């Protein structure tokens, strides 16, 4: 680590916060807004604050916390990351994680009790995922479940709750939880790149526990099964066109999964850019279906 660097450059701090990871919770928050059925026309300041909270703030915090507590395994798997490379020196990684946590809570206070409560819950999970003694990521079952909930279900619930200023309709909660369950498989895709380092550091990711091939098949099953449940519920709620649309994007994912399973480690990034796009499109379709149920 380069001790000559007194403090990190802003561009390196931004790299630590990983803007590319902000999209899923921001998208899920948007799905929550849509699913509420409430017109956004009078709520743009709240929506903007919520999007900022879900992505750059809470998700950014989780990335900083994770990289600080993963700096030793990253030195093996990805030594060019900001902390192991020395571009974020000393304990600056920890300071950034703490500072971003505080700023997230300050912003969340502007969103009322539902927004603040959701932010507290998400930040607790962010720290529990990476920091000892809990360190949920030590076990792929628990860690991926926490990530899936924070990336999809929690921001979806929050968006709907903020718009309605109350607890969302139970159907919104069910659909959000189903997409959270599917995100468990998405999180598994991210573990294929770090199998060797995880083994050496005692991190029981699913590729380590099950082996790469079995973990890949399991991830595909976990991504697909909740979407089948979503399709069934939309049919049951008399929204067949929306159900058919989700079915189409699921079929597209199945074709992409077949290609991915031929070489999971090499093709995981490819599937993240193709199959996951279909997955989140299905989320938005489901959100519009839920909006159409308002008052029903």
C-alpha atoms as a PDB file:
ATOM      1  CA  UNK A   1       0.000   0.000   0.000  1.00  0.00           C
ATOM      2  CA  UNK A   2       1.337   3.401  -1.014  1.00  0.00           C
ATOM      3  CA  UNK A   3       1.787   5.350   2.210  1.00  0.00           C
ATOM      4  CA  UNK A   4       2.799   8.461   0.215  1.00  0.00           C
ATOM      5  CA  UNK A   5      -0.853   9.033  -0.703  1.00  0.00           C
ATOM      6  CA  UNK A   6      -2.359  11.165   2.085  1.00  0.00           C
ATOM      7  CA  UNK A   7      -5.951  10.902   0.945  1.00  0.00           C
ATOM      8  CA  UNK A   8      -7.796   9.379  -2.015  1.00  0.00           C
ATOM      9  CA  UNK A   9      -8.715  11.322  -5.125  1.00  0.00           C
ATOM     10  CA  UNK A  10     -12.450  11.921  -5.688  1.00  0.00           C
ATOM     11  CA  UNK A  11     -12.355   9.745  -8.800  1.00  0.00           C
ATOM     12  CA  UNK A  12     -10.993   6.850  -6.741  1.00  0.00           C
ATOM     13  CA  UNK A  13     -13.679   7.334  -4.077  1.00  0.00           C
ATOM     14  CA  UNK A  14     -16.267   7.151  -6.848  1.00  0.00           C
ATOM     15  CA  UNK A  15     -14.648   3.947  -8.068  1.00  0.00           C
ATOM     16  CA  UNK A  16     -14.900   2.537  -4.535  1.00  0.00           C
ATOM     17  CA  UNK A  17     -18.628   3.326  -4.444  1.00  0.00           C
ATOM     18  CA  UNK A  18     -19.071   1.401  -7.746  1.00  0.00           C
ATOM     19  CA  UNK A  19     -21.702   3.370  -9.684  1.00  0.00           C
ATOM     20  CA  UNK A  20     -22.406   0.351 -11.888  1.00  0.00           C
ATOM     21  CA  UNK A  21     -23.968  -1.399  -8.864  1.00  0.00           C
ATOM     22  CA  UNK A  22     -26.398   1.431  -8.162  1.00  0.00           C
ATOM     23  CA  UNK A  23     -28.725   0.541 -11.023  1.00  0.00           C
ATOM     24  CA  UNK A  24     -30.541  -2.476  -9.473  1.00  0.00           C
ATOM     25  CA  UNK A  25     -31.818  -0.740  -6.302  1.00  0.00           C
ATOM     26  CA  UNK A  26     -32.626   2.443  -8.226  1.00  0.00           C
ATOM     27  CA  UNK A  27     -34.592   0.404 -10.763  1.00  0.00           C
ATOM     28  CA  UNK A  28     -36.382  -1.506  -7.989  1.00  0.00           C
ATOM     29  CA  UNK A  29     -37.243   1.781  -6.266  1.00  0.00           C
ATOM     30  CA  UNK A  30     -38.711   2.969  -9.567  1.00  0.00           C
ATOM     31  CA  UNK A  31     -40.724  -0.250  -9.807  1.00  0.00           C
ATOM     32  CA  UNK A  32     -42.066   0.470  -6.334  1.00  0.00           C
ATOM     33  CA  UNK A  33     -43.177   3.930  -7.446  1.00  0.00           C
ATOM     34  CA  UNK A  34     -44.890   2.518 -10.536  1.00  0.00           C
ATOM     35  CA  UNK A  35     -46.547  -0.340  -8.634  1.00  0.00           C
ATOM     36  CA  UNK A  36     -48.089   2.040  -6.103  1.00  0.00           C
ATOM     37  CA  UNK A  37     -50.375   3.418  -8.799  1.00  0.00           C
ATOM     38  CA  UNK A  38     -49.882   6.922  -7.409  1.00  0.00           C
ATOM     39  CA  UNK A  39     -49.207   9.651  -9.960  1.00  0.00           C
ATOM     40  CA  UNK A  40     -45.628  10.916  -9.582  1.00  0.00           C
ATOM     41  CA  UNK A  41     -46.495  14.413 -10.818  1.00  0.00           C
ATOM     42  CA  UNK A  42     -46.611  15.969  -7.350  1.00  0.00           C
ATOM     43  CA  UNK A  43     -43.842  13.878  -5.824  1.00  0.00           C
ATOM     44  CA  UNK A  44     -40.713  14.553  -7.900  1.00  0.00           C
ATOM     45  CA  UNK A  45     -38.582  15.911  -4.999  1.00  0.00           C
ATOM     46  CA  UNK A  46     -39.365  12.816  -2.918  1.00  0.00           C
ATOM     47  CA  UNK A  47     -38.737  10.524  -5.879  1.00  0.00           C
ATOM     48  CA  UNK A  48     -35.386  12.170  -6.636  1.00  0.00           C
ATOM     49  CA  UNK A  49     -34.327  11.868  -2.995  1.00  0.00           C
ATOM     50  CA  UNK A  50     -35.416   8.233  -2.909  1.00  0.00           C
ATOM     51  CA  UNK A  51     -33.489   7.338  -6.059  1.00  0.00           C
ATOM     52  CA  UNK A  52     -30.405   9.076  -4.657  1.00  0.00           C
ATOM     53  CA  UNK A  53     -30.806   7.218  -1.371  1.00  0.00           C
ATOM     54  CA  UNK A  54     -31.324   3.793  -2.970  1.00  0.00           C
ATOM     55  CA  UNK A  55     -28.391   4.029  -5.377  1.00  0.00           C
ATOM     56  CA  UNK A  56     -25.461   6.349  -4.635  1.00  0.00           C
ATOM     57  CA  UNK A  57     -26.036   6.466  -0.889  1.00  0.00           C
ATOM     58  CA  UNK A  58     -27.171   3.129   0.593  1.00  0.00           C
ATOM     59  CA  UNK A  59     -25.845   0.946  -2.219  1.00  0.00           C
ATOM     60  CA  UNK A  60     -22.667   3.044  -2.355  1.00  0.00           C
ATOM     61  CA  UNK A  61     -22.257   2.561   1.392  1.00  0.00           C
ATOM     62  CA  UNK A  62     -22.599  -1.199   1.019  1.00  0.00           C
ATOM     63  CA  UNK A  63     -19.855  -1.216  -1.616  1.00  0.00           C
ATOM     64  CA  UNK A  64     -17.468   0.790   0.555  1.00  0.00           C
ATOM     65  CA  UNK A  65     -18.149  -1.424   3.585  1.00  0.00           C
ATOM     66  CA  UNK A  66     -17.693  -4.567   1.513  1.00  0.00           C
ATOM     67  CA  UNK A  67     -14.410  -3.432  -0.033  1.00  0.00           C
ATOM     68  CA  UNK A  68     -12.989  -2.432   3.327  1.00  0.00           C
ATOM     69  CA  UNK A  69     -13.683  -5.777   4.961  1.00  0.00           C
ATOM     70  CA  UNK A  70     -12.782  -7.676   1.780  1.00  0.00           C
ATOM     71  CA  UNK A  71      -9.467  -5.918   1.224  1.00  0.00           C
ATOM     72  CA  UNK A  72      -7.454  -9.040   2.028  1.00  0.00           C
ATOM     73  CA  UNK A  73      -9.366 -11.343  -0.318  1.00  0.00           C
ATOM     74  CA  UNK A  74      -9.412  -8.609  -2.972  1.00  0.00           C
ATOM     75  CA  UNK A  75      -5.619  -8.484  -2.755  1.00  0.00           C
ATOM     76  CA  UNK A  76      -5.762 -12.045  -4.117  1.00  0.00           C
ATOM     77  CA  UNK A  77      -8.708 -11.856  -6.528  1.00  0.00           C
ATOM     78  CA  UNK A  78      -8.650  -8.235  -7.707  1.00  0.00           C
ATOM     79  CA  UNK A  79      -5.488  -6.446  -6.517  1.00  0.00           C
ATOM     80  CA  UNK A  80      -6.213  -3.430  -8.732  1.00  0.00           C
ATOM     81  CA  UNK A  81      -9.232  -2.388  -6.653  1.00  0.00           C
ATOM     82  CA  UNK A  82      -8.882   0.976  -4.858  1.00  0.00           C
ATOM     83  CA  UNK A  83      -8.029  -0.345  -1.376  1.00  0.00           C
ATOM     84  CA  UNK A  84      -5.600  -3.232  -2.085  1.00  0.00           C
ATOM     85  CA  UNK A  85      -3.899  -1.165  -4.798  1.00  0.00           C
ATOM     86  CA  UNK A  86      -3.145   1.586  -2.268  1.00  0.00           C
ATOM     87  CA  UNK A  87      -5.061   4.269  -4.133  1.00  0.00           C
ATOM     88  CA  UNK A  88      -7.253   4.497  -1.020  1.00  0.00           C
ATOM     89  CA  UNK A  89      -4.606   4.480   1.711  1.00  0.00           C
ATOM     90  CA  UNK A  90      -4.623   3.681   5.395  1.00  0.00           C
ATOM     91  CA  UNK A  91      -8.070   3.502   6.972  1.00  0.00           C
ATOM     92  CA  UNK A  92      -9.713   5.823   4.462  1.00  0.00           C
ATOM     93  CA  UNK A  93     -11.880   2.976   3.176  1.00  0.00           C
ATOM     94  CA  UNK A  94     -13.414   2.600   6.632  1.00  0.00           C
ATOM     95  CA  UNK A  95     -13.828   6.349   7.064  1.00  0.00           C
ATOM     96  CA  UNK A  96     -15.664   6.599   3.740  1.00  0.00           C
ATOM     97  CA  UNK A  97     -17.968   3.726   4.694  1.00  0.00           C
ATOM     98  CA  UNK A  98     -18.853   5.384   8.013  1.00  0.00           C
ATOM     99  CA  UNK A  99     -19.275   8.831   6.465  1.00  0.00           C
ATOM    100  CA  UNK A 100     -21.521   7.533   3.694  1.00  0.00           C
ATOM    101  CA  UNK A 101     -23.633   5.717   6.302  1.00  0.00           C
ATOM    102  CA  UNK A 102     -24.198   8.967   8.202  1.00  0.00           C
ATOM    103  CA  UNK A 103     -25.000  10.917   5.034  1.00  0.00           C
ATOM    104  CA  UNK A 104     -27.461   8.207   3.987  1.00  0.00           C
ATOM    105  CA  UNK A 105     -29.302   8.508   7.289  1.00  0.00           C
ATOM    106  CA  UNK A 106     -29.444  12.284   6.994  1.00  0.00           C
ATOM    107  CA  UNK A 107     -30.983  12.045   3.528  1.00  0.00           C
ATOM    108  CA  UNK A 108     -33.386   9.307   4.656  1.00  0.00           C
ATOM    109  CA  UNK A 109     -34.779  11.616   7.335  1.00  0.00           C
ATOM    110  CA  UNK A 110     -36.276  13.762   4.568  1.00  0.00           C
ATOM    111  CA  UNK A 111     -38.363  10.813   3.326  1.00  0.00           C
ATOM    112  CA  UNK A 112     -40.528  10.355   6.401  1.00  0.00           C
ATOM    113  CA  UNK A 113     -40.773   7.325   8.674  1.00  0.00           C
ATOM    114  CA  UNK A 114     -41.080   4.754   5.867  1.00  0.00           C
ATOM    115  CA  UNK A 115     -38.046   6.025   4.005  1.00  0.00           C
ATOM    116  CA  UNK A 116     -35.975   6.403   7.156  1.00  0.00           C
ATOM    117  CA  UNK A 117     -36.945   2.990   8.514  1.00  0.00           C
ATOM    118  CA  UNK A 118     -36.110   1.305   5.218  1.00  0.00           C
ATOM    119  CA  UNK A 119     -32.741   3.067   5.092  1.00  0.00           C
ATOM    120  CA  UNK A 120     -31.867   1.946   8.612  1.00  0.00           C
ATOM    121  CA  UNK A 121     -32.808  -1.631   7.758  1.00  0.00           C
ATOM    122  CA  UNK A 122     -30.788  -1.556   4.539  1.00  0.00           C
ATOM    123  CA  UNK A 123     -27.720  -0.040   6.187  1.00  0.00           C
ATOM    124  CA  UNK A 124     -27.814  -2.579   9.016  1.00  0.00           C
ATOM    125  CA  UNK A 125     -27.856  -5.364   6.443  1.00  0.00           C
ATOM    126  CA  UNK A 126     -25.058  -3.681   4.483  1.00  0.00           C
ATOM    127  CA  UNK A 127     -22.782  -3.725   7.516  1.00  0.00           C
ATOM    128  CA  UNK A 128     -23.940  -7.176   8.652  1.00  0.00           C
ATOM    129  CA  UNK A 129     -23.179  -8.570   5.202  1.00  0.00           C
ATOM    130  CA  UNK A 130     -19.509  -7.604   5.271  1.00  0.00           C
ATOM    131  CA  UNK A 131     -18.426  -6.737   8.806  1.00  0.00           C
ATOM    132  CA  UNK A 132     -17.512  -9.181  11.568  1.00  0.00           C
ATOM    133  CA  UNK A 133     -18.737 -10.746  13.720  1.00  0.00           C
ATOM    134  CA  UNK A 134     -21.887 -11.318  11.628  1.00  0.00           C
ATOM    135  CA  UNK A 135     -20.337 -11.181   8.129  1.00  0.00           C
ATOM    136  CA  UNK A 136     -23.249 -12.789   6.287  1.00  0.00           C
ATOM    137  CA  UNK A 137     -21.186 -13.108   3.136  1.00  0.00           C
ATOM    138  CA  UNK A 138     -19.157 -15.860   4.789  1.00  0.00           C
ATOM    139  CA  UNK A 139     -22.081 -18.094   3.837  1.00  0.00           C
ATOM    140  CA  UNK A 140     -23.482 -17.903   0.310  1.00  0.00           C
ATOM    141  CA  UNK A 141     -26.985 -18.859   1.397  1.00  0.00           C
ATOM    142  CA  UNK A 142     -27.401 -16.033   3.895  1.00  0.00           C
ATOM    143  CA  UNK A 143     -25.247 -13.467   2.155  1.00  0.00           C
ATOM    144  CA  UNK A 144     -26.981 -13.768  -1.200  1.00  0.00           C
ATOM    145  CA  UNK A 145     -30.382 -13.615   0.485  1.00  0.00           C
ATOM    146  CA  UNK A 146     -29.423 -10.353   2.218  1.00  0.00           C
ATOM    147  CA  UNK A 147     -28.145  -8.875  -1.047  1.00  0.00           C
ATOM    148  CA  UNK A 148     -31.226  -9.914  -2.981  1.00  0.00           C
ATOM    149  CA  UNK A 149     -33.477  -8.323  -0.404  1.00  0.00           C
ATOM    150  CA  UNK A 150     -31.509  -5.062  -0.353  1.00  0.00           C
ATOM    151  CA  UNK A 151     -31.119  -4.817  -4.120  1.00  0.00           C
ATOM    152  CA  UNK A 152     -34.707  -5.620  -5.095  1.00  0.00           C
ATOM    153  CA  UNK A 153     -37.309  -6.113  -2.369  1.00  0.00           C
ATOM    154  CA  UNK A 154     -36.415  -3.347   0.060  1.00  0.00           C
ATOM    155  CA  UNK A 155     -36.163  -0.481  -2.464  1.00  0.00           C
ATOM    156  CA  UNK A 156     -39.323  -1.713  -4.212  1.00  0.00           C
ATOM    157  CA  UNK A 157     -41.200  -1.723  -0.892  1.00  0.00           C
ATOM    158  CA  UNK A 158     -39.745   1.676  -0.015  1.00  0.00           C
ATOM    159  CA  UNK A 159     -40.790   3.296  -3.286  1.00  0.00           C
ATOM    160  CA  UNK A 160     -44.345   2.033  -2.915  1.00  0.00           C
ATOM    161  CA  UNK A 161     -44.531   2.972   0.775  1.00  0.00           C
ATOM    162  CA  UNK A 162     -43.245   6.507   0.217  1.00  0.00           C
ATOM    163  CA  UNK A 163     -45.737   7.139  -2.561  1.00  0.00           C
ATOM    164  CA  UNK A 164     -48.666   5.755  -0.576  1.00  0.00           C
ATOM    165  CA  UNK A 165     -47.444   7.173   2.772  1.00  0.00           C
ATOM    166  CA  UNK A 166     -48.429   3.832   4.289  1.00  0.00           C
ATOM    167  CA  UNK A 167     -47.662   0.147   4.117  1.00  0.00           C
ATOM    168  CA  UNK A 168     -47.998  -1.040   0.497  1.00  0.00           C
ATOM    169  CA  UNK A 169     -50.718  -3.363  -0.740  1.00  0.00           C
ATOM    170  CA  UNK A 170     -49.933  -6.975   0.168  1.00  0.00           C
ATOM    171  CA  UNK A 171     -49.693  -7.905  -3.511  1.00  0.00           C
ATOM    172  CA  UNK A 172     -46.855  -5.422  -3.963  1.00  0.00           C
ATOM    173  CA  UNK A 173     -45.015  -6.969  -1.032  1.00  0.00           C
ATOM    174  CA  UNK A 174     -45.438 -10.483  -2.436  1.00  0.00           C
ATOM    175  CA  UNK A 175     -44.140  -9.572  -5.900  1.00  0.00           C
ATOM    176  CA  UNK A 176     -41.224  -7.607  -4.437  1.00  0.00           C
ATOM    177  CA  UNK A 177     -40.247 -10.585  -2.274  1.00  0.00           C
ATOM    178  CA  UNK A 178     -40.438 -12.952  -5.238  1.00  0.00           C
ATOM    179  CA  UNK A 179     -38.073 -10.800  -7.274  1.00  0.00           C
ATOM    180  CA  UNK A 180     -35.817 -10.579  -4.209  1.00  0.00           C
ATOM    181  CA  UNK A 181     -35.716 -14.373  -4.109  1.00  0.00           C
ATOM    182  CA  UNK A 182     -34.752 -14.443  -7.781  1.00  0.00           C
ATOM    183  CA  UNK A 183     -31.977 -11.972  -7.096  1.00  0.00           C
ATOM    184  CA  UNK A 184     -30.378 -14.625  -4.853  1.00  0.00           C
ATOM    185  CA  UNK A 185     -29.384 -16.356  -8.072  1.00  0.00           C
ATOM    186  CA  UNK A 186     -28.104 -13.112  -9.582  1.00  0.00           C
ATOM    187  CA  UNK A 187     -25.820 -12.646  -6.584  1.00  0.00           C
ATOM    188  CA  UNK A 188     -24.407 -16.132  -7.148  1.00  0.00           C
ATOM    189  CA  UNK A 189     -23.273 -15.064 -10.626  1.00  0.00           C
ATOM    190  CA  UNK A 190     -21.023 -12.468  -9.034  1.00  0.00           C
ATOM    191  CA  UNK A 191     -19.189 -15.132  -7.029  1.00  0.00           C
ATOM    192  CA  UNK A 192     -17.774 -17.075  -9.975  1.00  0.00           C
ATOM    193  CA  UNK A 193     -14.956 -14.588 -10.490  1.00  0.00           C
ATOM    194  CA  UNK A 194     -13.530 -15.035  -6.989  1.00  0.00           C
ATOM    195  CA  UNK A 195     -13.630 -18.775  -6.296  1.00  0.00           C
ATOM    196  CA  UNK A 196      -9.891 -19.161  -5.620  1.00  0.00           C
ATOM    197  CA  UNK A 197      -9.675 -16.211  -3.259  1.00  0.00           C
ATOM    198  CA  UNK A 198     -12.860 -17.234  -1.468  1.00  0.00           C
ATOM    199  CA  UNK A 199     -11.479 -20.717  -0.871  1.00  0.00           C
ATOM    200  CA  UNK A 200      -8.227 -19.342   0.544  1.00  0.00           C
ATOM    201  CA  UNK A 201     -10.032 -16.871   2.825  1.00  0.00           C
ATOM    202  CA  UNK A 202     -12.693 -19.320   4.036  1.00  0.00           C
ATOM    203  CA  UNK A 203     -15.657 -17.615   2.345  1.00  0.00           C
ATOM    204  CA  UNK A 204     -18.323 -20.228   1.617  1.00  0.00           C
ATOM    205  CA  UNK A 205     -19.845 -18.770  -1.525  1.00  0.00           C
ATOM    206  CA  UNK A 206     -22.157 -21.106  -3.410  1.00  0.00           C
ATOM    207  CA  UNK A 207     -19.557 -21.843  -6.127  1.00  0.00           C
ATOM    208  CA  UNK A 208     -17.215 -22.888  -3.316  1.00  0.00           C
ATOM    209  CA  UNK A 209     -19.856 -24.931  -1.471  1.00  0.00           C
ATOM    210  CA  UNK A 210     -21.528 -26.560  -4.478  1.00  0.00           C
ATOM    211  CA  UNK A 211     -18.887 -26.336  -7.166  1.00  0.00           C
ATOM    212  CA  UNK A 212     -19.106 -24.037 -10.164  1.00  0.00           C
ATOM    213  CA  UNK A 213     -21.355 -26.223 -12.336  1.00  0.00           C
ATOM    214  CA  UNK A 214     -23.923 -27.013  -9.645  1.00  0.00           C
ATOM    215  CA  UNK A 215     -23.923 -23.421  -8.391  1.00  0.00           C
ATOM    216  CA  UNK A 216     -24.618 -22.194 -11.926  1.00  0.00           C
ATOM    217  CA  UNK A 217     -27.564 -24.555 -12.369  1.00  0.00           C
ATOM    218  CA  UNK A 218     -28.904 -23.623  -8.956  1.00  0.00           C
ATOM    219  CA  UNK A 219     -28.592 -19.907  -9.741  1.00  0.00           C
ATOM    220  CA  UNK A 220     -30.606 -20.365 -12.928  1.00  0.00           C
ATOM    221  CA  UNK A 221     -33.300 -22.274 -11.070  1.00  0.00           C
ATOM    222  CA  UNK A 222     -33.501 -19.627  -8.365  1.00  0.00           C
ATOM    223  CA  UNK A 223     -33.769 -16.850 -10.953  1.00  0.00           C
ATOM    224  CA  UNK A 224     -36.472 -18.611 -12.957  1.00  0.00           C
ATOM    225  CA  UNK A 225     -38.749 -20.139 -10.303  1.00  0.00           C
ATOM    226  CA  UNK A 226     -39.932 -16.861  -8.683  1.00  0.00           C
ATOM    227  CA  UNK A 227     -40.786 -15.493 -12.123  1.00  0.00           C
ATOM    228  CA  UNK A 228     -42.973 -18.535 -12.764  1.00  0.00           C
ATOM    229  CA  UNK A 229     -44.742 -17.705  -9.485  1.00  0.00           C
ATOM    230  CA  UNK A 230     -45.148 -14.073 -10.606  1.00  0.00           C
ATOM    231  CA  UNK A 231     -46.722 -15.231 -13.868  1.00  0.00           C
ATOM    232  CA  UNK A 232     -49.139 -17.476 -11.959  1.00  0.00           C
ATOM    233  CA  UNK A 233     -50.141 -14.663  -9.616  1.00  0.00           C
ATOM    234  CA  UNK A 234     -50.730 -12.219 -12.465  1.00  0.00           C
ATOM    235  CA  UNK A 235     -53.014 -14.750 -14.128  1.00  0.00           C
ATOM    236  CA  UNK A 236     -54.802 -15.293 -10.802  1.00  0.00           C
ATOM    237  CA  UNK A 237     -55.250 -11.513 -10.475  1.00  0.00           C
ATOM    238  CA  UNK A 238     -56.777 -11.427 -13.968  1.00  0.00           C
ATOM    239  CA  UNK A 239     -53.876  -9.670 -15.656  1.00  0.00           C
ATOM    240  CA  UNK A 240     -53.174 -12.173 -18.486  1.00  0.00           C
ATOM    241  CA  UNK A 241     -51.446  -9.737 -20.850  1.00  0.00           C
ATOM    242  CA  UNK A 242     -48.960  -8.714 -18.191  1.00  0.00           C
ATOM    243  CA  UNK A 243     -48.454 -12.374 -17.265  1.00  0.00           C
ATOM    244  CA  UNK A 244     -47.778 -13.221 -20.911  1.00  0.00           C
ATOM    245  CA  UNK A 245     -45.243 -10.389 -21.169  1.00  0.00           C
ATOM    246  CA  UNK A 246     -43.357 -11.657 -18.115  1.00  0.00           C
ATOM    247  CA  UNK A 247     -43.526 -15.135 -19.629  1.00  0.00           C
ATOM    248  CA  UNK A 248     -41.903 -13.901 -22.840  1.00  0.00           C
ATOM    249  CA  UNK A 249     -38.958 -12.325 -21.025  1.00  0.00           C
ATOM    250  CA  UNK A 250     -38.594 -15.489 -18.937  1.00  0.00           C
ATOM    251  CA  UNK A 251     -38.428 -17.628 -22.080  1.00  0.00           C
ATOM    252  CA  UNK A 252     -35.721 -15.313 -23.405  1.00  0.00           C
ATOM    253  CA  UNK A 253     -33.807 -15.807 -20.159  1.00  0.00           C
ATOM    254  CA  UNK A 254     -34.062 -19.583 -20.447  1.00  0.00           C
ATOM    255  CA  UNK A 255     -32.397 -19.515 -23.867  1.00  0.00           C
ATOM    256  CA  UNK A 256     -29.665 -17.259 -22.494  1.00  0.00           C
ATOM    257  CA  UNK A 257     -29.250 -19.515 -19.449  1.00  0.00           C
ATOM    258  CA  UNK A 258     -28.645 -22.512 -21.714  1.00  0.00           C
ATOM    259  CA  UNK A 259     -25.742 -20.663 -23.303  1.00  0.00           C
ATOM    260  CA  UNK A 260     -24.439 -19.480 -19.928  1.00  0.00           C
ATOM    261  CA  UNK A 261     -24.446 -22.997 -18.439  1.00  0.00           C
ATOM    262  CA  UNK A 262     -22.035 -24.244 -21.105  1.00  0.00           C
ATOM    263  CA  UNK A 263     -19.236 -22.217 -19.492  1.00  0.00           C
ATOM    264  CA  UNK A 264     -20.466 -20.516 -16.286  1.00  0.00           C
ATOM    265  CA  UNK A 265     -17.267 -18.858 -15.093  1.00  0.00           C
ATOM    266  CA  UNK A 266     -16.431 -17.310 -18.431  1.00  0.00           C
ATOM    267  CA  UNK A 267     -19.989 -16.385 -19.378  1.00  0.00           C
ATOM    268  CA  UNK A 268     -21.283 -15.019 -16.054  1.00  0.00           C
ATOM    269  CA  UNK A 269     -20.434 -11.391 -17.015  1.00  0.00           C
ATOM    270  CA  UNK A 270     -22.126 -11.943 -20.384  1.00  0.00           C
ATOM    271  CA  UNK A 271     -25.284 -13.252 -18.709  1.00  0.00           C
ATOM    272  CA  UNK A 272     -25.239 -10.314 -16.308  1.00  0.00           C
ATOM    273  CA  UNK A 273     -25.488  -8.016 -19.314  1.00  0.00           C
ATOM    274  CA  UNK A 274     -28.148  -9.997 -21.190  1.00  0.00           C
ATOM    275  CA  UNK A 275     -30.260 -12.244 -18.997  1.00  0.00           C
ATOM    276  CA  UNK A 276     -30.451  -9.771 -16.130  1.00  0.00           C
ATOM    277  CA  UNK A 277     -31.724  -7.122 -18.538  1.00  0.00           C
ATOM    278  CA  UNK A 278     -34.664  -9.421 -19.278  1.00  0.00           C
ATOM    279  CA  UNK A 279     -35.145 -10.031 -15.566  1.00  0.00           C
ATOM    280  CA  UNK A 280     -35.450  -6.345 -14.683  1.00  0.00           C
ATOM    281  CA  UNK A 281     -37.739  -5.752 -17.663  1.00  0.00           C
ATOM    282  CA  UNK A 282     -40.064  -8.346 -16.164  1.00  0.00           C
ATOM    283  CA  UNK A 283     -39.935  -6.442 -12.890  1.00  0.00           C
ATOM    284  CA  UNK A 284     -41.180  -3.289 -14.588  1.00  0.00           C
ATOM    285  CA  UNK A 285     -43.959  -5.164 -16.382  1.00  0.00           C
ATOM    286  CA  UNK A 286     -45.048  -6.608 -13.045  1.00  0.00           C
ATOM    287  CA  UNK A 287     -44.989  -3.137 -11.485  1.00  0.00           C
ATOM    288  CA  UNK A 288     -47.383  -1.836 -14.147  1.00  0.00           C
ATOM    289  CA  UNK A 289     -49.597  -4.864 -13.551  1.00  0.00           C
ATOM    290  CA  UNK A 290     -49.727  -4.042  -9.851  1.00  0.00           C
ATOM    291  CA  UNK A 291     -50.552  -0.412 -10.607  1.00  0.00           C
ATOM    292  CA  UNK A 292     -53.507  -1.586 -12.698  1.00  0.00           C
ATOM    293  CA  UNK A 293     -54.810  -3.437  -9.624  1.00  0.00           C
ATOM    294  CA  UNK A 294     -55.073  -0.286  -7.548  1.00  0.00           C
ATOM    295  CA  UNK A 295     -58.504  -0.110  -6.070  1.00  0.00           C
ATOM    296  CA  UNK A 296     -59.205  -3.653  -7.205  1.00  0.00           C
END
